[in-house]
Structure formats: C-alpha cells, structure tokens
Amino acid sequence: MSTAYTGTKTKLNFWQIWNMCFGFFGIQFGWSLQMGNMSAIYEFLGASPEEIPGLWLAAPMTGLLVQPIVGYLSDRTWHPTLGRRRPFS
C-alpha cells in the first residue's frame, strides 16, 4: 500500500488533541516511574553510589554516539522491495 503525501494537514479537534496528549502523559509517567527507580536497581545489581552518576549518563551518551552512526547507515541503505531508508530493527 503506497500513500502519496499531498501536503495537506488534517485539522484535529479538541478531543483528538486531548486524547493524544493524555496518551503521551501516560508514556512519560511510565518512563518517570522507571527512571525514578533506576538508582535502586543499579545498587541492587552491585553498583556503588560513586558509579551511579556514570550509569545515569551511559544511556544519553550511547544515544549521542550511536544514533548518528545508525542514521548515516540508514540513509545509505536501499532494499529491493522496501526502497530507501529501511529502518534497522
């Protein structure tokens, strides 16, 4: 199924925007609960209190380094059936 981009935007009503924002709120709430407990999880796994700040920085720094590489490789990927920019999974 191929859909061409026509350049027109769908106007959302108030309740559609409300539902979308409420869903994003739920996602953020879940991430906050997970991240709020990560220090205790790190300690349970054997990290000392001095190592926890480094562990907190590990994910953002990995993303900062890995995402440009994956984007570069993705831009140069071509698949016979799917075409250009096949997402890596």
N, C-alpha and C. Protein backbone atom coordinates (compact mmCIF):
# COMPACT_ATOMS: atom_id res chain seq x y z
N MET A 1 0.85 -1.18 0.00
CA MET A 1 0.00 0.00 0.00
C MET A 1 0.89 1.24 0.00
N SER A 2 0.73 2.07 -0.97
CA SER A 2 1.53 3.27 -1.10
C SER A 2 0.62 4.49 -1.00
N THR A 3 0.95 5.36 -0.08
CA THR A 3 0.18 6.60 0.05
C THR A 3 1.10 7.76 -0.27
N ALA A 4 0.67 8.61 -1.16
CA ALA A 4 1.46 9.77 -1.54
C ALA A 4 1.16 10.93 -0.59
N TYR A 5 2.18 11.68 -0.25
CA TYR A 5 2.00 12.84 0.60
C TYR A 5 1.43 13.98 -0.23
N THR A 6 0.27 14.48 0.17
CA THR A 6 -0.40 15.51 -0.61
C THR A 6 -0.10 16.92 -0.11
N GLY A 7 0.53 17.03 1.04
CA GLY A 7 0.85 18.35 1.58
C GLY A 7 -0.26 18.98 2.38
N THR A 8 -1.38 18.30 2.54
CA THR A 8 -2.47 18.85 3.34
C THR A 8 -2.42 18.26 4.74
N LYS A 9 -2.78 19.07 5.69
CA LYS A 9 -2.80 18.64 7.08
C LYS A 9 -4.24 18.39 7.52
N THR A 10 -4.42 17.36 8.33
CA THR A 10 -5.73 17.09 8.90
C THR A 10 -5.89 17.95 10.14
N LYS A 11 -6.98 18.68 10.23
CA LYS A 11 -7.23 19.51 11.39
C LYS A 11 -7.83 18.64 12.48
N LEU A 12 -7.17 18.63 13.63
CA LEU A 12 -7.63 17.83 14.77
C LEU A 12 -8.55 18.66 15.64
N ASN A 13 -9.59 18.02 16.15
CA ASN A 13 -10.46 18.74 17.07
C ASN A 13 -9.89 18.65 18.49
N PHE A 14 -10.53 19.31 19.42
CA PHE A 14 -10.04 19.39 20.80
C PHE A 14 -9.87 18.01 21.41
N TRP A 15 -10.83 17.12 21.24
CA TRP A 15 -10.79 15.81 21.91
C TRP A 15 -9.73 14.91 21.30
N GLN A 16 -9.45 15.05 20.03
CA GLN A 16 -8.36 14.28 19.43
C GLN A 16 -7.01 14.72 20.00
N ILE A 17 -6.84 16.02 20.14
CA ILE A 17 -5.60 16.54 20.72
C ILE A 17 -5.52 16.13 22.20
N TRP A 18 -6.65 16.22 22.91
CA TRP A 18 -6.68 15.81 24.32
C TRP A 18 -6.26 14.35 24.47
N ASN A 19 -6.84 13.46 23.65
CA ASN A 19 -6.50 12.04 23.74
C ASN A 19 -5.04 11.78 23.42
N MET A 20 -4.51 12.48 22.45
CA MET A 20 -3.11 12.32 22.09
C MET A 20 -2.21 12.77 23.24
N CYS A 21 -2.51 13.92 23.83
CA CYS A 21 -1.73 14.43 24.95
C CYS A 21 -1.85 13.53 26.18
N PHE A 22 -3.04 13.00 26.41
CA PHE A 22 -3.24 12.10 27.55
C PHE A 22 -2.41 10.82 27.37
N GLY A 23 -2.35 10.31 26.15
CA GLY A 23 -1.51 9.14 25.88
C GLY A 23 -0.04 9.44 26.09
N PHE A 24 0.42 10.60 25.62
CA PHE A 24 1.81 10.98 25.84
C PHE A 24 2.10 11.17 27.32
N PHE A 25 1.13 11.70 28.07
CA PHE A 25 1.29 11.84 29.51
C PHE A 25 1.50 10.48 30.15
N GLY A 26 0.73 9.48 29.74
CA GLY A 26 0.87 8.14 30.28
C GLY A 26 2.24 7.55 29.98
N ILE A 27 2.73 7.77 28.77
CA ILE A 27 4.06 7.28 28.41
C ILE A 27 5.12 7.94 29.27
N GLN A 28 5.03 9.26 29.43
CA GLN A 28 6.01 9.98 30.25
C GLN A 28 5.93 9.56 31.71
N PHE A 29 4.74 9.31 32.19
CA PHE A 29 4.56 8.87 33.57
C PHE A 29 5.24 7.51 33.78
N GLY A 30 5.06 6.61 32.83
CA GLY A 30 5.70 5.30 32.92
C GLY A 30 7.22 5.40 32.89
N TRP A 31 7.74 6.24 32.00
CA TRP A 31 9.19 6.44 31.95
C TRP A 31 9.70 7.05 33.26
N SER A 32 8.96 7.98 33.84
CA SER A 32 9.38 8.60 35.10
C SER A 32 9.42 7.58 36.22
N LEU A 33 8.43 6.70 36.28
CA LEU A 33 8.45 5.65 37.30
C LEU A 33 9.66 4.74 37.13
N GLN A 34 9.94 4.39 35.90
CA GLN A 34 11.09 3.52 35.65
C GLN A 34 12.39 4.23 36.02
N MET A 35 12.55 5.45 35.55
CA MET A 35 13.80 6.17 35.81
C MET A 35 13.97 6.52 37.29
N GLY A 36 12.88 6.75 37.97
CA GLY A 36 12.95 7.05 39.39
C GLY A 36 13.46 5.89 40.22
N ASN A 37 13.33 4.69 39.72
CA ASN A 37 13.78 3.51 40.44
C ASN A 37 15.11 2.96 39.93
N MET A 38 15.70 3.60 38.96
CA MET A 38 16.93 3.05 38.38
C MET A 38 18.09 3.06 39.36
N SER A 39 18.22 4.06 40.22
CA SER A 39 19.32 4.08 41.17
C SER A 39 19.25 2.87 42.10
N ALA A 40 18.06 2.54 42.57
CA ALA A 40 17.91 1.37 43.43
C ALA A 40 18.22 0.09 42.66
N ILE A 41 17.84 0.04 41.40
CA ILE A 41 18.14 -1.14 40.58
C ILE A 41 19.64 -1.26 40.36
N TYR A 42 20.30 -0.14 40.07
CA TYR A 42 21.75 -0.17 39.90
C TYR A 42 22.44 -0.66 41.18
N GLU A 43 21.99 -0.17 42.33
CA GLU A 43 22.57 -0.61 43.60
C GLU A 43 22.32 -2.10 43.82
N PHE A 44 21.12 -2.57 43.48
CA PHE A 44 20.80 -3.99 43.63
C PHE A 44 21.70 -4.84 42.75
N LEU A 45 22.07 -4.33 41.59
CA LEU A 45 22.94 -5.05 40.68
C LEU A 45 24.41 -4.96 41.05
N GLY A 46 24.72 -4.21 42.12
CA GLY A 46 26.08 -4.18 42.64
C GLY A 46 26.86 -2.91 42.39
N ALA A 47 26.23 -1.86 41.87
CA ALA A 47 26.93 -0.61 41.63
C ALA A 47 27.10 0.15 42.94
N SER A 48 28.27 0.74 43.11
CA SER A 48 28.49 1.57 44.30
C SER A 48 27.87 2.94 44.05
N PRO A 49 27.59 3.68 45.13
CA PRO A 49 27.00 5.02 44.94
C PRO A 49 27.85 5.95 44.07
N GLU A 50 29.17 5.74 44.06
CA GLU A 50 30.04 6.59 43.24
C GLU A 50 29.90 6.27 41.74
N GLU A 51 29.42 5.07 41.39
CA GLU A 51 29.29 4.69 39.99
C GLU A 51 27.95 5.08 39.38
N ILE A 52 26.96 5.37 40.20
CA ILE A 52 25.61 5.62 39.70
C ILE A 52 25.52 6.83 38.76
N PRO A 53 26.20 7.96 39.05
CA PRO A 53 26.12 9.07 38.07
C PRO A 53 26.62 8.68 36.69
N GLY A 54 27.67 7.88 36.62
CA GLY A 54 28.16 7.42 35.32
C GLY A 54 27.16 6.53 34.62
N LEU A 55 26.46 5.71 35.40
CA LEU A 55 25.44 4.85 34.81
C LEU A 55 24.25 5.67 34.30
N TRP A 56 23.92 6.75 35.00
CA TRP A 56 22.85 7.63 34.54
C TRP A 56 23.23 8.29 33.21
N LEU A 57 24.52 8.55 33.01
CA LEU A 57 24.97 9.20 31.77
C LEU A 57 25.19 8.21 30.63
N ALA A 58 25.24 6.92 30.93
CA ALA A 58 25.56 5.92 29.91
C ALA A 58 24.54 5.93 28.76
N ALA A 59 23.25 5.93 29.07
CA ALA A 59 22.23 5.88 28.01
C ALA A 59 22.24 7.13 27.12
N PRO A 60 22.26 8.35 27.67
CA PRO A 60 22.29 9.52 26.78
C PRO A 60 23.57 9.59 25.94
N MET A 61 24.70 9.22 26.53
CA MET A 61 25.95 9.28 25.79
C MET A 61 25.98 8.22 24.68
N THR A 62 25.45 7.04 24.98
CA THR A 62 25.37 6.00 23.95
C THR A 62 24.50 6.47 22.80
N GLY A 63 23.34 7.07 23.12
CA GLY A 63 22.47 7.59 22.08
C GLY A 63 23.14 8.68 21.27
N LEU A 64 23.91 9.53 21.94
CA LEU A 64 24.61 10.62 21.27
C LEU A 64 25.63 10.09 20.28
N LEU A 65 26.25 8.97 20.61
CA LEU A 65 27.27 8.40 19.73
C LEU A 65 26.70 7.44 18.69
N VAL A 66 25.70 6.64 19.07
CA VAL A 66 25.21 5.58 18.19
C VAL A 66 24.19 6.10 17.18
N GLN A 67 23.30 7.01 17.57
CA GLN A 67 22.24 7.46 16.68
C GLN A 67 22.75 8.10 15.38
N PRO A 68 23.80 8.93 15.41
CA PRO A 68 24.30 9.45 14.13
C PRO A 68 24.86 8.35 13.23
N ILE A 69 25.49 7.34 13.81
CA ILE A 69 26.03 6.25 13.01
C ILE A 69 24.90 5.46 12.36
N VAL A 70 23.87 5.14 13.13
CA VAL A 70 22.73 4.41 12.58
C VAL A 70 22.02 5.25 11.53
N GLY A 71 21.89 6.55 11.76
CA GLY A 71 21.27 7.43 10.76
C GLY A 71 22.07 7.48 9.47
N TYR A 72 23.38 7.55 9.60
CA TYR A 72 24.25 7.57 8.42
C TYR A 72 24.09 6.28 7.62
N LEU A 73 24.12 5.14 8.32
CA LEU A 73 23.97 3.86 7.64
C LEU A 73 22.57 3.71 7.05
N SER A 74 21.56 4.20 7.76
CA SER A 74 20.18 4.11 7.28
C SER A 74 19.98 4.94 6.03
N ASP A 75 20.61 6.10 5.96
CA ASP A 75 20.48 6.96 4.78
C ASP A 75 21.05 6.31 3.53
N ARG A 76 22.00 5.41 3.71
CA ARG A 76 22.65 4.78 2.57
C ARG A 76 22.19 3.34 2.35
N THR A 77 21.07 2.98 2.97
CA THR A 77 20.53 1.63 2.81
C THR A 77 19.44 1.64 1.76
N TRP A 78 19.49 0.66 0.90
CA TRP A 78 18.44 0.51 -0.12
C TRP A 78 18.06 -0.95 -0.16
N HIS A 79 16.77 -1.21 -0.14
CA HIS A 79 16.25 -2.57 -0.17
C HIS A 79 15.43 -2.73 -1.44
N PRO A 80 15.58 -3.88 -2.15
CA PRO A 80 14.86 -4.05 -3.42
C PRO A 80 13.34 -3.92 -3.31
N THR A 81 12.76 -4.37 -2.21
CA THR A 81 11.31 -4.31 -2.06
C THR A 81 10.85 -3.07 -1.29
N LEU A 82 11.55 -2.77 -0.20
CA LEU A 82 11.12 -1.67 0.67
C LEU A 82 11.61 -0.31 0.22
N GLY A 83 12.64 -0.27 -0.61
CA GLY A 83 13.14 1.01 -1.09
C GLY A 83 14.18 1.59 -0.17
N ARG A 84 14.28 2.90 -0.18
CA ARG A 84 15.31 3.62 0.56
C ARG A 84 14.90 3.79 2.01
N ARG A 85 15.91 3.98 2.85
CA ARG A 85 15.76 4.23 4.30
C ARG A 85 14.98 3.12 4.99
N ARG A 86 15.44 1.92 4.82
CA ARG A 86 14.85 0.80 5.53
C ARG A 86 15.26 0.91 7.00
N PRO A 87 14.32 0.98 7.91
CA PRO A 87 14.69 1.14 9.32
C PRO A 87 15.37 -0.11 9.87
N PHE A 88 16.39 0.10 10.68
CA PHE A 88 17.05 -1.01 11.36
C PHE A 88 16.21 -1.42 12.55
N SER A 89 16.05 -2.71 12.77
CA SER A 89 15.28 -3.17 13.93
C SER A 89 16.04 -4.21 14.69
